[in-house]
Amino acid sequence: MWKDKKKLSLYDFERAGALQILNYLWENRNKGKIKITDIVKNVKATSETITGAITFLTQNSLTQEEKAQTFPYQHWVWLTPKGEVAAKHLQQFLEALKSN
């Protein structure tokens, strides 16, 4: 789908929610695995958009997911080491936006 032999570009990350998700996971990295319901509550995108963005991030080794096989069917997401590096760089971008 997204992960093929082409090199990822900024265009690939312009999808709704992807950068917000990376930022949210970075800001909450001390919590470990984050419930997808928490992401849906804190990221400005629909749950379908968030699910698609998380799939994209996971397929590109920036996040990992775990889904419970039994009730209650919970879904957790967290940054991989590669995702942590990308999210850390995103923080520099956000800081630059804050400065005059």
PDB file of N, CA and C in Angstrom:
ATOM      1  N   MET A   1       0.833  -1.168   0.000  1.00  0.00           N
ATOM      2  CA  MET A   1       0.000   0.000   0.000  1.00  0.00           C
ATOM      3  C   MET A   1       0.884   1.239   0.000  1.00  0.00           C
ATOM      4  N   TRP A   2       1.397   1.663   1.170  1.00  0.00           N
ATOM      5  CA  TRP A   2       2.308   2.810   1.179  1.00  0.00           C
ATOM      6  C   TRP A   2       3.749   2.345   1.193  1.00  0.00           C
ATOM      7  N   LYS A   3       3.972   1.226   1.845  1.00  0.00           N
ATOM      8  CA  LYS A   3       5.353   0.786   2.003  1.00  0.00           C
ATOM      9  C   LYS A   3       5.727  -0.070   0.802  1.00  0.00           C
ATOM     10  N   ASP A   4       6.287   0.543  -0.178  1.00  0.00           N
ATOM     11  CA  ASP A   4       6.776  -0.184  -1.327  1.00  0.00           C
ATOM     12  C   ASP A   4       8.218   0.247  -1.546  1.00  0.00           C
ATOM     13  N   LYS A   5       8.695   0.090  -2.761  1.00  0.00           N
ATOM     14  CA  LYS A   5      10.103   0.377  -2.994  1.00  0.00           C
ATOM     15  C   LYS A   5      10.391   1.866  -3.157  1.00  0.00           C
ATOM     16  N   LYS A   6       9.337   2.697  -3.182  1.00  0.00           N
ATOM     17  CA  LYS A   6       9.606   4.138  -3.298  1.00  0.00           C
ATOM     18  C   LYS A   6      10.020   4.691  -1.951  1.00  0.00           C
ATOM     19  N   LYS A   7      10.758   5.762  -1.990  1.00  0.00           N
ATOM     20  CA  LYS A   7      11.197   6.422  -0.774  1.00  0.00           C
ATOM     21  C   LYS A   7      10.057   7.292  -0.246  1.00  0.00           C
ATOM     22  N   LEU A   8       9.853   7.260   1.057  1.00  0.00           N
ATOM     23  CA  LEU A   8       8.821   8.093   1.648  1.00  0.00           C
ATOM     24  C   LEU A   8       9.163   9.557   1.468  1.00  0.00           C
ATOM     25  N   SER A   9       8.123  10.379   1.278  1.00  0.00           N
ATOM     26  CA  SER A   9       8.329  11.812   1.125  1.00  0.00           C
ATOM     27  C   SER A   9       7.424  12.562   2.099  1.00  0.00           C
ATOM     28  N   LEU A  10       7.602  13.862   2.169  1.00  0.00           N
ATOM     29  CA  LEU A  10       6.740  14.676   3.009  1.00  0.00           C
ATOM     30  C   LEU A  10       5.277  14.538   2.585  1.00  0.00           C
ATOM     31  N   TYR A  11       5.050  14.387   1.299  1.00  0.00           N
ATOM     32  CA  TYR A  11       3.691  14.216   0.793  1.00  0.00           C
ATOM     33  C   TYR A  11       2.977  13.067   1.500  1.00  0.00           C
ATOM     34  N   ASP A  12       3.692  11.994   1.753  1.00  0.00           N
ATOM     35  CA  ASP A  12       3.096  10.833   2.413  1.00  0.00           C
ATOM     36  C   ASP A  12       2.611  11.166   3.821  1.00  0.00           C
ATOM     37  N   PHE A  13       3.243  12.133   4.463  1.00  0.00           N
ATOM     38  CA  PHE A  13       2.887  12.487   5.835  1.00  0.00           C
ATOM     39  C   PHE A  13       1.874  13.623   5.916  1.00  0.00           C
ATOM     40  N   GLU A  14       1.444  14.121   4.770  1.00  0.00           N
ATOM     41  CA  GLU A  14       0.433  15.160   4.761  1.00  0.00           C
ATOM     42  C   GLU A  14      -0.965  14.599   4.981  1.00  0.00           C
ATOM     43  N   ARG A  15      -1.074  13.304   5.104  1.00  0.00           N
ATOM     44  CA  ARG A  15      -2.375  12.694   5.368  1.00  0.00           C
ATOM     45  C   ARG A  15      -2.884  13.169   6.724  1.00  0.00           C
ATOM     46  N   ALA A  16      -4.152  13.352   6.813  1.00  0.00           N
ATOM     47  CA  ALA A  16      -4.765  13.898   8.027  1.00  0.00           C
ATOM     48  C   ALA A  16      -4.434  13.051   9.250  1.00  0.00           C
ATOM     49  N   GLY A  17      -3.973  13.719  10.267  1.00  0.00           N
ATOM     50  CA  GLY A  17      -3.774  13.077  11.554  1.00  0.00           C
ATOM     51  C   GLY A  17      -2.415  12.455  11.793  1.00  0.00           C
ATOM     52  N   ALA A  18      -1.651  12.129  10.783  1.00  0.00           N
ATOM     53  CA  ALA A  18      -0.397  11.392  10.985  1.00  0.00           C
ATOM     54  C   ALA A  18       0.583  12.149  11.882  1.00  0.00           C
ATOM     55  N   LEU A  19       0.791  13.414  11.594  1.00  0.00           N
ATOM     56  CA  LEU A  19       1.738  14.190  12.404  1.00  0.00           C
ATOM     57  C   LEU A  19       1.179  14.478  13.786  1.00  0.00           C
ATOM     58  N   GLN A  20      -0.136  14.698  13.869  1.00  0.00           N
ATOM     59  CA  GLN A  20      -0.758  14.892  15.175  1.00  0.00           C
ATOM     60  C   GLN A  20      -0.597  13.639  16.042  1.00  0.00           C
ATOM     61  N   ILE A  21      -0.743  12.479  15.426  1.00  0.00           N
ATOM     62  CA  ILE A  21      -0.605  11.217  16.163  1.00  0.00           C
ATOM     63  C   ILE A  21       0.824  11.047  16.648  1.00  0.00           C
ATOM     64  N   LEU A  22       1.794  11.293  15.777  1.00  0.00           N
ATOM     65  CA  LEU A  22       3.194  11.210  16.202  1.00  0.00           C
ATOM     66  C   LEU A  22       3.449  12.144  17.379  1.00  0.00           C
ATOM     67  N   ASN A  23       2.933  13.357  17.290  1.00  0.00           N
ATOM     68  CA  ASN A  23       3.129  14.331  18.358  1.00  0.00           C
ATOM     69  C   ASN A  23       2.445  13.867  19.648  1.00  0.00           C
ATOM     70  N   TYR A  24       1.221  13.370  19.560  1.00  0.00           N
ATOM     71  CA  TYR A  24       0.501  12.915  20.753  1.00  0.00           C
ATOM     72  C   TYR A  24       1.230  11.750  21.415  1.00  0.00           C
ATOM     73  N   LEU A  25       1.687  10.804  20.598  1.00  0.00           N
ATOM     74  CA  LEU A  25       2.409   9.657  21.157  1.00  0.00           C
ATOM     75  C   LEU A  25       3.716  10.099  21.805  1.00  0.00           C
ATOM     76  N   TRP A  26       4.386  11.086  21.208  1.00  0.00           N
ATOM     77  CA  TRP A  26       5.637  11.604  21.790  1.00  0.00           C
ATOM     78  C   TRP A  26       5.363  12.255  23.141  1.00  0.00           C
ATOM     79  N   GLU A  27       4.339  13.113  23.181  1.00  0.00           N
ATOM     80  CA  GLU A  27       4.027  13.813  24.417  1.00  0.00           C
ATOM     81  C   GLU A  27       3.589  12.868  25.536  1.00  0.00           C
ATOM     82  N   ASN A  28       3.105  11.691  25.184  1.00  0.00           N
ATOM     83  CA  ASN A  28       2.611  10.730  26.166  1.00  0.00           C
ATOM     84  C   ASN A  28       3.446   9.455  26.205  1.00  0.00           C
ATOM     85  N   ARG A  29       4.675   9.539  25.721  1.00  0.00           N
ATOM     86  CA  ARG A  29       5.532   8.348  25.627  1.00  0.00           C
ATOM     87  C   ARG A  29       5.825   7.715  26.981  1.00  0.00           C
ATOM     88  N   ASN A  30       5.785   8.501  28.037  1.00  0.00           N
ATOM     89  CA  ASN A  30       6.044   7.957  29.372  1.00  0.00           C
ATOM     90  C   ASN A  30       4.933   7.012  29.838  1.00  0.00           C
ATOM     91  N   LYS A  31       3.776   7.063  29.187  1.00  0.00           N
ATOM     92  CA  LYS A  31       2.657   6.172  29.531  1.00  0.00           C
ATOM     93  C   LYS A  31       2.796   4.801  28.872  1.00  0.00           C
ATOM     94  N   GLY A  32       3.736   4.674  27.947  1.00  0.00           N
ATOM     95  CA  GLY A  32       3.912   3.404  27.237  1.00  0.00           C
ATOM     96  C   GLY A  32       2.871   3.247  26.139  1.00  0.00           C
ATOM     97  N   LYS A  33       2.135   2.156  26.189  1.00  0.00           N
ATOM     98  CA  LYS A  33       1.110   1.902  25.185  1.00  0.00           C
ATOM     99  C   LYS A  33      -0.082   2.826  25.431  1.00  0.00           C
ATOM    100  N   ILE A  34      -0.540   3.473  24.366  1.00  0.00           N
ATOM    101  CA  ILE A  34      -1.651   4.421  24.442  1.00  0.00           C
ATOM    102  C   ILE A  34      -2.884   3.787  23.797  1.00  0.00           C
ATOM    103  N   LYS A  35      -4.011   3.876  24.489  1.00  0.00           N
ATOM    104  CA  LYS A  35      -5.260   3.364  23.924  1.00  0.00           C
ATOM    105  C   LYS A  35      -5.670   4.226  22.745  1.00  0.00           C
ATOM    106  N   ILE A  36      -6.151   3.573  21.702  1.00  0.00           N
ATOM    107  CA  ILE A  36      -6.565   4.318  20.520  1.00  0.00           C
ATOM    108  C   ILE A  36      -7.720   5.259  20.854  1.00  0.00           C
ATOM    109  N   THR A  37      -8.531   4.901  21.852  1.00  0.00           N
ATOM    110  CA  THR A  37      -9.621   5.799  22.249  1.00  0.00           C
ATOM    111  C   THR A  37      -9.073   7.119  22.786  1.00  0.00           C
ATOM    112  N   ASP A  38      -7.921   7.095  23.449  1.00  0.00           N
ATOM    113  CA  ASP A  38      -7.286   8.332  23.919  1.00  0.00           C
ATOM    114  C   ASP A  38      -6.804   9.178  22.744  1.00  0.00           C
ATOM    115  N   ILE A  39      -6.280   8.509  21.731  1.00  0.00           N
ATOM    116  CA  ILE A  39      -5.829   9.230  20.537  1.00  0.00           C
ATOM    117  C   ILE A  39      -7.018   9.891  19.854  1.00  0.00           C
ATOM    118  N   VAL A  40      -8.114   9.149  19.709  1.00  0.00           N
ATOM    119  CA  VAL A  40      -9.313   9.689  19.064  1.00  0.00           C
ATOM    120  C   VAL A  40      -9.829  10.916  19.815  1.00  0.00           C
ATOM    121  N   LYS A  41      -9.752  10.891  21.130  1.00  0.00           N
ATOM    122  CA  LYS A  41     -10.224  12.026  21.946  1.00  0.00           C
ATOM    123  C   LYS A  41      -9.328  13.251  21.825  1.00  0.00           C
ATOM    124  N   ASN A  42      -8.043  13.057  21.503  1.00  0.00           N
ATOM    125  CA  ASN A  42      -7.080  14.148  21.557  1.00  0.00           C
ATOM    126  C   ASN A  42      -6.510  14.608  20.219  1.00  0.00           C
ATOM    127  N   VAL A  43      -6.864  13.932  19.151  1.00  0.00           N
ATOM    128  CA  VAL A  43      -6.381  14.309  17.822  1.00  0.00           C
ATOM    129  C   VAL A  43      -7.572  14.811  17.015  1.00  0.00           C
ATOM    130  N   LYS A  44      -7.384  15.915  16.322  1.00  0.00           N
ATOM    131  CA  LYS A  44      -8.478  16.527  15.561  1.00  0.00           C
ATOM    132  C   LYS A  44      -8.646  15.845  14.210  1.00  0.00           C
ATOM    133  N   ALA A  45      -9.274  14.671  14.252  1.00  0.00           N
ATOM    134  CA  ALA A  45      -9.574  13.906  13.045  1.00  0.00           C
ATOM    135  C   ALA A  45     -10.629  12.864  13.411  1.00  0.00           C
ATOM    136  N   THR A  46     -11.293  12.333  12.418  1.00  0.00           N
ATOM    137  CA  THR A  46     -12.292  11.303  12.689  1.00  0.00           C
ATOM    138  C   THR A  46     -11.603  10.002  13.078  1.00  0.00           C
ATOM    139  N   SER A  47     -12.338   9.119  13.722  1.00  0.00           N
ATOM    140  CA  SER A  47     -11.744   7.846  14.130  1.00  0.00           C
ATOM    141  C   SER A  47     -11.294   7.028  12.922  1.00  0.00           C
ATOM    142  N   GLU A  48     -12.022   7.128  11.813  1.00  0.00           N
ATOM    143  CA  GLU A  48     -11.617   6.413  10.593  1.00  0.00           C
ATOM    144  C   GLU A  48     -10.305   6.969  10.046  1.00  0.00           C
ATOM    145  N   THR A  49     -10.169   8.277  10.072  1.00  0.00           N
ATOM    146  CA  THR A  49      -8.935   8.919   9.607  1.00  0.00           C
ATOM    147  C   THR A  49      -7.774   8.524  10.499  1.00  0.00           C
ATOM    148  N   ILE A  50      -8.005   8.502  11.793  1.00  0.00           N
ATOM    149  CA  ILE A  50      -6.957   8.125  12.745  1.00  0.00           C
ATOM    150  C   ILE A  50      -6.543   6.680  12.536  1.00  0.00           C
ATOM    151  N   THR A  51      -7.509   5.807  12.342  1.00  0.00           N
ATOM    152  CA  THR A  51      -7.195   4.396  12.094  1.00  0.00           C
ATOM    153  C   THR A  51      -6.342   4.241  10.841  1.00  0.00           C
ATOM    154  N   GLY A  52      -6.700   4.960   9.783  1.00  0.00           N
ATOM    155  CA  GLY A  52      -5.911   4.907   8.546  1.00  0.00           C
ATOM    156  C   GLY A  52      -4.511   5.453   8.731  1.00  0.00           C
ATOM    157  N   ALA A  53      -4.394   6.547   9.478  1.00  0.00           N
ATOM    158  CA  ALA A  53      -3.083   7.141   9.723  1.00  0.00           C
ATOM    159  C   ALA A  53      -2.212   6.207  10.563  1.00  0.00           C
ATOM    160  N   ILE A  54      -2.807   5.563  11.566  1.00  0.00           N
ATOM    161  CA  ILE A  54      -2.041   4.622  12.390  1.00  0.00           C
ATOM    162  C   ILE A  54      -1.590   3.434  11.560  1.00  0.00           C
ATOM    163  N   THR A  55      -2.435   2.964  10.671  1.00  0.00           N
ATOM    164  CA  THR A  55      -2.036   1.877   9.766  1.00  0.00           C
ATOM    165  C   THR A  55      -0.837   2.308   8.936  1.00  0.00           C
ATOM    166  N   PHE A  56      -0.892   3.524   8.389  1.00  0.00           N
ATOM    167  CA  PHE A  56       0.213   4.074   7.607  1.00  0.00           C
ATOM    168  C   PHE A  56       1.489   4.140   8.443  1.00  0.00           C
ATOM    169  N   LEU A  57       1.387   4.679   9.657  1.00  0.00           N
ATOM    170  CA  LEU A  57       2.559   4.813  10.519  1.00  0.00           C
ATOM    171  C   LEU A  57       3.129   3.453  10.905  1.00  0.00           C
ATOM    172  N   THR A  58       2.264   2.485  11.167  1.00  0.00           N
ATOM    173  CA  THR A  58       2.720   1.142  11.529  1.00  0.00           C
ATOM    174  C   THR A  58       3.388   0.458  10.332  1.00  0.00           C
ATOM    175  N   GLN A  59       2.790   0.592   9.159  1.00  0.00           N
ATOM    176  CA  GLN A  59       3.374  -0.022   7.965  1.00  0.00           C
ATOM    177  C   GLN A  59       4.739   0.564   7.624  1.00  0.00           C
ATOM    178  N   ASN A  60       5.000   1.765   8.107  1.00  0.00           N
ATOM    179  CA  ASN A  60       6.292   2.408   7.852  1.00  0.00           C
ATOM    180  C   ASN A  60       7.192   2.411   9.078  1.00  0.00           C
ATOM    181  N   SER A  61       6.903   1.518  10.017  1.00  0.00           N
ATOM    182  CA  SER A  61       7.744   1.240  11.186  1.00  0.00           C
ATOM    183  C   SER A  61       7.916   2.418  12.144  1.00  0.00           C
ATOM    184  N   LEU A  62       6.933   3.326  12.182  1.00  0.00           N
ATOM    185  CA  LEU A  62       6.997   4.443  13.106  1.00  0.00           C
ATOM    186  C   LEU A  62       6.202   4.165  14.382  1.00  0.00           C
ATOM    187  N   THR A  63       5.208   3.306  14.280  1.00  0.00           N
ATOM    188  CA  THR A  63       4.422   2.901  15.448  1.00  0.00           C
ATOM    189  C   THR A  63       4.261   1.391  15.439  1.00  0.00           C
ATOM    190  N   GLN A  64       3.869   0.885  16.601  1.00  0.00           N
ATOM    191  CA  GLN A  64       3.483  -0.513  16.729  1.00  0.00           C
ATOM    192  C   GLN A  64       2.095  -0.533  17.331  1.00  0.00           C
ATOM    193  N   GLU A  65       1.360  -1.601  17.050  1.00  0.00           N
ATOM    194  CA  GLU A  65       0.000  -1.740  17.544  1.00  0.00           C
ATOM    195  C   GLU A  65      -0.177  -3.085  18.217  1.00  0.00           C
ATOM    196  N   GLU A  66      -1.117  -3.106  19.125  1.00  0.00           N
ATOM    197  CA  GLU A  66      -1.521  -4.353  19.756  1.00  0.00           C
ATOM    198  C   GLU A  66      -3.030  -4.288  19.932  1.00  0.00           C
ATOM    199  N   LYS A  67      -3.704  -5.360  19.568  1.00  0.00           N
ATOM    200  CA  LYS A  67      -5.159  -5.422  19.702  1.00  0.00           C
ATOM    201  C   LYS A  67      -5.524  -6.618  20.568  1.00  0.00           C
ATOM    202  N   ALA A  68      -6.402  -6.386  21.550  1.00  0.00           N
ATOM    203  CA  ALA A  68      -6.857  -7.470  22.410  1.00  0.00           C
ATOM    204  C   ALA A  68      -7.757  -8.403  21.603  1.00  0.00           C
ATOM    205  N   GLN A  69      -7.579  -9.699  21.799  1.00  0.00           N
ATOM    206  CA  GLN A  69      -8.355 -10.688  21.063  1.00  0.00           C
ATOM    207  C   GLN A  69      -9.662 -11.039  21.763  1.00  0.00           C
ATOM    208  N   THR A  70      -9.804 -10.589  22.999  1.00  0.00           N
ATOM    209  CA  THR A  70     -11.008 -10.886  23.760  1.00  0.00           C
ATOM    210  C   THR A  70     -11.615  -9.590  24.288  1.00  0.00           C
ATOM    211  N   PHE A  71     -12.845  -9.689  24.751  1.00  0.00           N
ATOM    212  CA  PHE A  71     -13.542  -8.530  25.292  1.00  0.00           C
ATOM    213  C   PHE A  71     -12.901  -8.071  26.590  1.00  0.00           C
ATOM    214  N   PRO A  72     -12.699  -6.827  26.867  1.00  0.00           N
ATOM    215  CA  PRO A  72     -13.018  -5.695  25.997  1.00  0.00           C
ATOM    216  C   PRO A  72     -11.955  -5.549  24.901  1.00  0.00           C
ATOM    217  N   TYR A  73     -12.389  -5.364  23.680  1.00  0.00           N
ATOM    218  CA  TYR A  73     -11.495  -5.311  22.530  1.00  0.00           C
ATOM    219  C   TYR A  73     -10.772  -3.975  22.483  1.00  0.00           C
ATOM    220  N   GLN A  74      -9.636  -3.919  23.139  1.00  0.00           N
ATOM    221  CA  GLN A  74      -8.871  -2.677  23.185  1.00  0.00           C
ATOM    222  C   GLN A  74      -7.783  -2.693  22.129  1.00  0.00           C
ATOM    223  N   HIS A  75      -7.353  -1.508  21.775  1.00  0.00           N
ATOM    224  CA  HIS A  75      -6.359  -1.309  20.720  1.00  0.00           C
ATOM    225  C   HIS A  75      -5.348  -0.297  21.260  1.00  0.00           C
ATOM    226  N   TRP A  76      -4.084  -0.687  21.292  1.00  0.00           N
ATOM    227  CA  TRP A  76      -3.025   0.181  21.811  1.00  0.00           C
ATOM    228  C   TRP A  76      -2.036   0.512  20.703  1.00  0.00           C
ATOM    229  N   VAL A  77      -1.412   1.666  20.835  1.00  0.00           N
ATOM    230  CA  VAL A  77      -0.418   2.137  19.866  1.00  0.00           C
ATOM    231  C   VAL A  77       0.736   2.772  20.635  1.00  0.00           C
ATOM    232  N   TRP A  78       1.954   2.623  20.127  1.00  0.00           N
ATOM    233  CA  TRP A  78       3.114   3.272  20.726  1.00  0.00           C
ATOM    234  C   TRP A  78       4.172   3.491  19.659  1.00  0.00           C
ATOM    235  N   LEU A  79       5.091   4.402  19.955  1.00  0.00           N
ATOM    236  CA  LEU A  79       6.169   4.726  19.018  1.00  0.00           C
ATOM    237  C   LEU A  79       7.242   3.641  19.019  1.00  0.00           C
ATOM    238  N   THR A  80       7.779   3.362  17.857  1.00  0.00           N
ATOM    239  CA  THR A  80       8.965   2.527  17.730  1.00  0.00           C
ATOM    240  C   THR A  80      10.179   3.439  17.928  1.00  0.00           C
ATOM    241  N   PRO A  81      11.381   2.892  18.039  1.00  0.00           N
ATOM    242  CA  PRO A  81      12.566   3.765  18.099  1.00  0.00           C
ATOM    243  C   PRO A  81      12.649   4.714  16.892  1.00  0.00           C
ATOM    244  N   LYS A  82      12.313   4.213  15.707  1.00  0.00           N
ATOM    245  CA  LYS A  82      12.307   5.064  14.511  1.00  0.00           C
ATOM    246  C   LYS A  82      11.249   6.165  14.653  1.00  0.00           C
ATOM    247  N   GLY A  83      10.095   5.824  15.186  1.00  0.00           N
ATOM    248  CA  GLY A  83       9.032   6.801  15.408  1.00  0.00           C
ATOM    249  C   GLY A  83       9.420   7.844  16.427  1.00  0.00           C
ATOM    250  N   GLU A  84      10.170   7.434  17.448  1.00  0.00           N
ATOM    251  CA  GLU A  84      10.642   8.387  18.454  1.00  0.00           C
ATOM    252  C   GLU A  84      11.579   9.415  17.833  1.00  0.00           C
ATOM    253  N   VAL A  85      12.449   8.968  16.946  1.00  0.00           N
ATOM    254  CA  VAL A  85      13.368   9.899  16.268  1.00  0.00           C
ATOM    255  C   VAL A  85      12.567  10.889  15.430  1.00  0.00           C
ATOM    256  N   ALA A  86      11.605  10.388  14.662  1.00  0.00           N
ATOM    257  CA  ALA A  86      10.794  11.267  13.811  1.00  0.00           C
ATOM    258  C   ALA A  86       9.990  12.239  14.665  1.00  0.00           C
ATOM    259  N   ALA A  87       9.382  11.760  15.740  1.00  0.00           N
ATOM    260  CA  ALA A  87       8.570  12.613  16.601  1.00  0.00           C
ATOM    261  C   ALA A  87       9.419  13.663  17.315  1.00  0.00           C
ATOM    262  N   LYS A  88      10.637  13.293  17.666  1.00  0.00           N
ATOM    263  CA  LYS A  88      11.539  14.250  18.314  1.00  0.00           C
ATOM    264  C   LYS A  88      11.867  15.394  17.352  1.00  0.00           C
ATOM    265  N   HIS A  89      12.090  15.078  16.100  1.00  0.00           N
ATOM    266  CA  HIS A  89      12.360  16.114  15.105  1.00  0.00           C
ATOM    267  C   HIS A  89      11.116  16.975  14.875  1.00  0.00           C
ATOM    268  N   LEU A  90       9.961  16.384  14.975  1.00  0.00           N
ATOM    269  CA  LEU A  90       8.717  17.129  14.841  1.00  0.00           C
ATOM    270  C   LEU A  90       8.610  18.187  15.942  1.00  0.00           C
ATOM    271  N   GLN A  91       9.125  17.894  17.116  1.00  0.00           N
ATOM    272  CA  GLN A  91       9.113  18.847  18.226  1.00  0.00           C
ATOM    273  C   GLN A  91       9.911  20.097  17.871  1.00  0.00           C
ATOM    274  N   GLN A  92      11.023  19.927  17.172  1.00  0.00           N
ATOM    275  CA  GLN A  92      11.834  21.074  16.752  1.00  0.00           C
ATOM    276  C   GLN A  92      11.037  21.958  15.793  1.00  0.00           C
ATOM    277  N   PHE A  93      10.297  21.327  14.907  1.00  0.00           N
ATOM    278  CA  PHE A  93       9.452  22.063  13.968  1.00  0.00           C
ATOM    279  C   PHE A  93       8.386  22.853  14.730  1.00  0.00           C
ATOM    280  N   LEU A  94       7.740  22.211  15.702  1.00  0.00           N
ATOM    281  CA  LEU A  94       6.709  22.883  16.490  1.00  0.00           C
ATOM    282  C   LEU A  94       7.275  24.047  17.299  1.00  0.00           C
ATOM    283  N   GLU A  95       8.487  23.870  17.841  1.00  0.00           N
ATOM    284  CA  GLU A  95       9.138  24.956  18.579  1.00  0.00           C
ATOM    285  C   GLU A  95       9.438  26.140  17.662  1.00  0.00           C
ATOM    286  N   ALA A  96       9.847  25.857  16.434  1.00  0.00           N
ATOM    287  CA  ALA A  96      10.124  26.923  15.475  1.00  0.00           C
ATOM    288  C   ALA A  96       8.860  27.711  15.166  1.00  0.00           C
ATOM    289  N   LEU A  97       7.725  27.057  15.151  1.00  0.00           N
ATOM    290  CA  LEU A  97       6.461  27.752  14.887  1.00  0.00           C
ATOM    291  C   LEU A  97       6.106  28.705  16.026  1.00  0.00           C
ATOM    292  N   LYS A  98       6.523  28.379  17.233  1.00  0.00           N
ATOM    293  CA  LYS A  98       6.211  29.197  18.414  1.00  0.00           C
ATOM    294  C   LYS A  98       7.059  30.468  18.473  1.00  0.00           C
ATOM    295  N   SER A  99       8.268  30.417  17.903  1.00  0.00           N
ATOM    296  CA  SER A  99       9.151  31.581  17.995  1.00  0.00           C
ATOM    297  C   SER A  99       8.748  32.657  16.992  1.00  0.00           C
ATOM    298  N   ASN A 100       9.082  33.871  17.316  1.00  0.00           N
ATOM    299  CA  ASN A 100       8.727  35.001  16.436  1.00  0.00           C
ATOM    300  C   ASN A 100       9.819  35.198  15.461  1.00  0.00           C
TER     301      ASN A 100
END
